[in-house]
Amino acid sequence: MKVYGNTLAYISARELHPRLCYKIVPRDIVHFFVIIHYMGYCRLPSKLDYWNEGDNICGDHPVCRAYGMSYKKFQFLWRNIYLMEPREEVQSGESEDEGDTDYDDHRDTHYIVRKDEEEDDYHFDAKARNIIDLTNQGNKLLCQWPSWVMTIDEQMTCFRGRSIETYKMSNKPIEFGYKSFSIVDATTKFLWHQLSYGRKHTNAGTILTVKFLVNTLPKRDTLDYVCGMDNYFTHVKAIQHCLDAGVHVVGTARAKRGWPAPEIRRIDDNRFNTLYHIADREVDYVTYRWVDNNVVTLVSTMHDPNESVVKNRRRPRTTQTNRHHVRAVWGDDPVKPIDIPKVVDDYNHWKVGVDVMDQLLAVLFPDLRCRRTWMPLMIQALMTMRVNAYTAHKYVNTHPRSHKEFTLCWMKCLMRRATKLVRVTRNRIIHSVDQSSPRRFRMSTKNPRLPNARLDNNLSHAAVINPRQGKCVYCRYNYLCQKIERPDDNPSSWGTVGQPMRKCIGCNVYLCRGCFDPYHSQNN
């Protein structure tokens, strides 16, 4: 995968399943992702409607017919695209680890748990992990470091199929699907990093997850960060690690055995807007007990208990719990200024980063039916790229575009990159009908040197599958270097020259899979 200008440009054929390498060109992959974005921009009942003739209901959708993308070709990509490079060392049916059978009481199903993690291909995000990692890397390219206020919370990816890795969360907009933990900038709503979390095959607990997300923040030694969390993450060990990493914590606290302190739990004062606090003796944080509609327990490592702010608060709906103080405080007024603690006001503003990010994702999220379990994760990563780019666009422009206008520009940009890819590599793409025979690179046997084109950033250095084999240039270079340095040794000790079917479309040379990256980074 390559990133051009902080935008996903294409996925090269070396990252597709081998059976697709002779039928798909990189331009088709770009167009495939453009159509997925377009299906979120313009939602229709069926995928076939995007290729029907224009009428008053469906309209005309030329973006779906561009570059000769027919409905059959899109269906072929939708059913066969494969983002995980196949492993050659593990053959189907030859695994020595047969696994142990376990039983899921909740779903009344049996499943297999393998002891060898390298042979466990069942992990729910294994096939989408490449594009998830690409999304996290692209986030660091768009933003060097986020603001000082961050939010850690769960994100749900809608999935209606059967999987033992899904969660059910009744209080979320997406109640059923895959869960991931994300850290989001609470000021700009920019998703900084996300981590997929399975119900069965993910062994990391909540404390380790908080440690991992906090450690992704840059310049923690010079910048003072603060993370807003809910009571699912505010454990004592997680708070201690955040303080050791230079990150403050503000969040609600879940009452459990031995925590919070018994002095706070024994208080029975339920008067409205009363605040009690107690400092911890071992960890540098303060536990607060505040009464709103119900008793709220909070924890903070940075607030002063005596600080307060005046906020205009609406009169809440009268219930059996708060009916005594609603009439006494608000009376007949719908809004009234109330002096509330500063820790409560900051938590209310800092906790919504992930929730707003979810709302931005849901605006133009395509409602596509997926048979494979990892496809929703891939679509979620694609939509995250677009939303983060839109957030950066709003931040750097004085007159930003709307979300829909930016999405159209996003798709046009991808289509232009696909056109540029075809224009730059016009006769070197192996699937071209009018393919000419470019000049072959010849290496001197007395003074071997690698071609200078490998370091040219203006070329599209991507590996594609060629119908014919050829000698690897990098293997040939290493072979001749060893031959010159040790002319008297046995020729078998100089190495072997591979004959792969992979070519770099920018350099027009054959390269083995392991030689592709060293070849484009080594100097003569």
Foldseek 3Di string as FASTA:
>chain_A
DDADPLFDQFDFLQQWDVVCQQPDHRLVRLLLLLVQLVCLLPPDPDPVLQVDDADPPSGHRVSCCPPNNDPVNSVVCQVGGFRHRDDPVDDPPPDPFPFDWDADPVVGDIDGDTPDPVPPPPPLQNRVVVLQVVLLVSLCVLPVAADQFKEKDKDFQADDDDDQFKAACPPDPRGIHWIKIWMARLPLLATNHIGTGGDPPHPDDLLVVLLVRLVSGPPLVPGQHEYEYEQRRPDPSSQQSCVVSRYKYKYFHDDDPCPDDVVVVPDDDQDAQDKDWDADDPDQKIWMWHHHLHTTIMITNDDDQPAKDKDKDAQDDDDPRCVVCSCVPQNPNGIDIDIHHPSVVVSVSRHCSVVVNNVQLSSSRRPDHHPRSNVSVNSSSSSSSQVNVLSSQVVPDPDGDDSSVSSVVSSVVNSVSSVVLCVQLVQLGQNDPPHDDDDDDDADLVDGAADPQLQDPVFQFHKGFHPFWDWASVQVSQLSVLCVVCVPDDSVVSDDIDTGRIATSRVGGDHDPVVSVVSSPDHD
